[in-house]
Protein backbone atom coordinates (compact mmCIF):
# COMPACT_ATOMS: atom_id res chain seq x y z
CA UNK A 1 -24.72 -13.61 -11.60
CA UNK A 2 -26.86 -13.15 -14.67
CA UNK A 3 -24.03 -11.37 -16.47
CA UNK A 4 -21.37 -13.88 -15.53
CA UNK A 5 -23.57 -16.98 -15.92
CA UNK A 6 -26.45 -15.82 -18.15
CA UNK A 7 -28.03 -19.22 -18.76
CA UNK A 8 -27.54 -20.68 -15.30
CA UNK A 9 -27.89 -17.85 -12.79
CA UNK A 10 -30.36 -19.63 -10.51
CA UNK A 11 -28.19 -22.73 -10.15
CA UNK A 12 -25.11 -20.58 -9.51
CA UNK A 13 -27.01 -18.55 -6.91
CA UNK A 14 -28.03 -21.74 -5.11
CA UNK A 15 -24.45 -23.01 -5.18
CA UNK A 16 -23.09 -19.75 -3.79
CA UNK A 17 -25.70 -19.60 -1.03
CA UNK A 18 -25.06 -23.19 0.01
CA UNK A 19 -21.27 -23.33 -0.24
CA UNK A 20 -19.92 -19.81 -0.24
CA UNK A 21 -21.39 -17.86 2.65
CA UNK A 22 -21.87 -18.49 6.33
CA UNK A 23 -20.44 -22.00 5.88
CA UNK A 24 -17.02 -20.46 5.24
CA UNK A 25 -14.51 -20.25 8.10
CA UNK A 26 -15.08 -17.20 10.34
CA UNK A 27 -18.06 -15.95 8.30
CA UNK A 28 -21.16 -15.69 10.45
CA UNK A 29 -24.71 -15.25 9.26
CA UNK A 30 -24.77 -11.87 10.98
CA UNK A 31 -22.06 -10.59 8.63
CA UNK A 32 -23.74 -10.78 5.23
CA UNK A 33 -21.54 -8.04 3.76
CA UNK A 34 -18.46 -10.25 4.01
CA UNK A 35 -20.23 -13.22 2.44
CA UNK A 36 -21.37 -10.93 -0.39
CA UNK A 37 -17.79 -9.78 -1.05
CA UNK A 38 -16.57 -13.37 -1.16
CA UNK A 39 -19.36 -14.43 -3.52
CA UNK A 40 -18.59 -11.55 -5.87
CA UNK A 41 -14.90 -12.50 -5.74
CA UNK A 42 -15.48 -16.11 -6.77
CA UNK A 43 -17.85 -14.95 -9.52
CA UNK A 44 -15.26 -12.52 -10.85
CA UNK A 45 -12.46 -15.06 -10.72
CA UNK A 46 -14.59 -17.73 -12.42
CA UNK A 47 -14.86 -15.74 -15.63
CA UNK A 48 -18.16 -17.48 -16.31
CA UNK A 49 -16.62 -20.95 -16.21
CA UNK A 50 -18.31 -23.50 -13.91
CA UNK A 51 -15.10 -25.39 -13.26
CA UNK A 52 -13.32 -22.19 -12.24
CA UNK A 53 -16.26 -21.21 -10.06
CA UNK A 54 -16.03 -24.53 -8.26
CA UNK A 55 -12.26 -24.17 -7.88
CA UNK A 56 -12.54 -20.72 -6.35
CA UNK A 57 -15.33 -21.78 -4.00
CA UNK A 58 -13.05 -24.56 -2.75
CA UNK A 59 -10.26 -22.00 -2.32
CA UNK A 60 -12.63 -19.72 -0.39
CA UNK A 61 -13.50 -22.63 1.90
CA UNK A 62 -9.81 -23.00 2.71
CA UNK A 63 -9.01 -19.29 3.10
CA UNK A 64 -11.40 -16.73 1.65
CA UNK A 65 -8.87 -13.94 2.16
CA UNK A 66 -6.86 -15.35 -0.75
CA UNK A 67 -9.93 -15.18 -2.98
CA UNK A 68 -10.63 -11.58 -2.00
CA UNK A 69 -7.01 -10.66 -2.72
CA UNK A 70 -6.95 -12.43 -6.09
CA UNK A 71 -10.15 -10.64 -7.15
CA UNK A 72 -8.82 -7.24 -6.03
CA UNK A 73 -11.46 -6.92 -3.29
CA UNK A 74 -9.21 -7.26 -0.24
CA UNK A 75 -8.37 -3.66 0.62
CA UNK A 76 -11.63 -1.89 -0.20
CA UNK A 77 -14.84 -3.20 1.34
CA UNK A 78 -16.82 -1.53 -1.45
CA UNK A 79 -14.65 -2.76 -4.37
CA UNK A 80 -17.00 -5.59 -5.28
CA UNK A 81 -19.82 -3.08 -5.78
CA UNK A 82 -17.67 -1.19 -8.30
CA UNK A 83 -16.91 -4.30 -10.36
CA UNK A 84 -18.80 -3.94 -13.63
CA UNK A 85 -19.39 -7.70 -14.07
């Protein structure tokens, strides 16, 4: 988060925790790894733009699989960890 949103990482973290995690369809609190992948995906797709971050969070709330696919994280459960941010 600090690399993508250097001046606003704490606010972005709060937003992601509140709106892009276990509140997403079919994402349970017991499956943190999936929520992490989705959060990384919306961060990547945002390109450091708050408006784009918001747009991709809304997309993830509709169908997070589309966000994972768009970010290139759909077929490899470790791909988000390889993203250099």
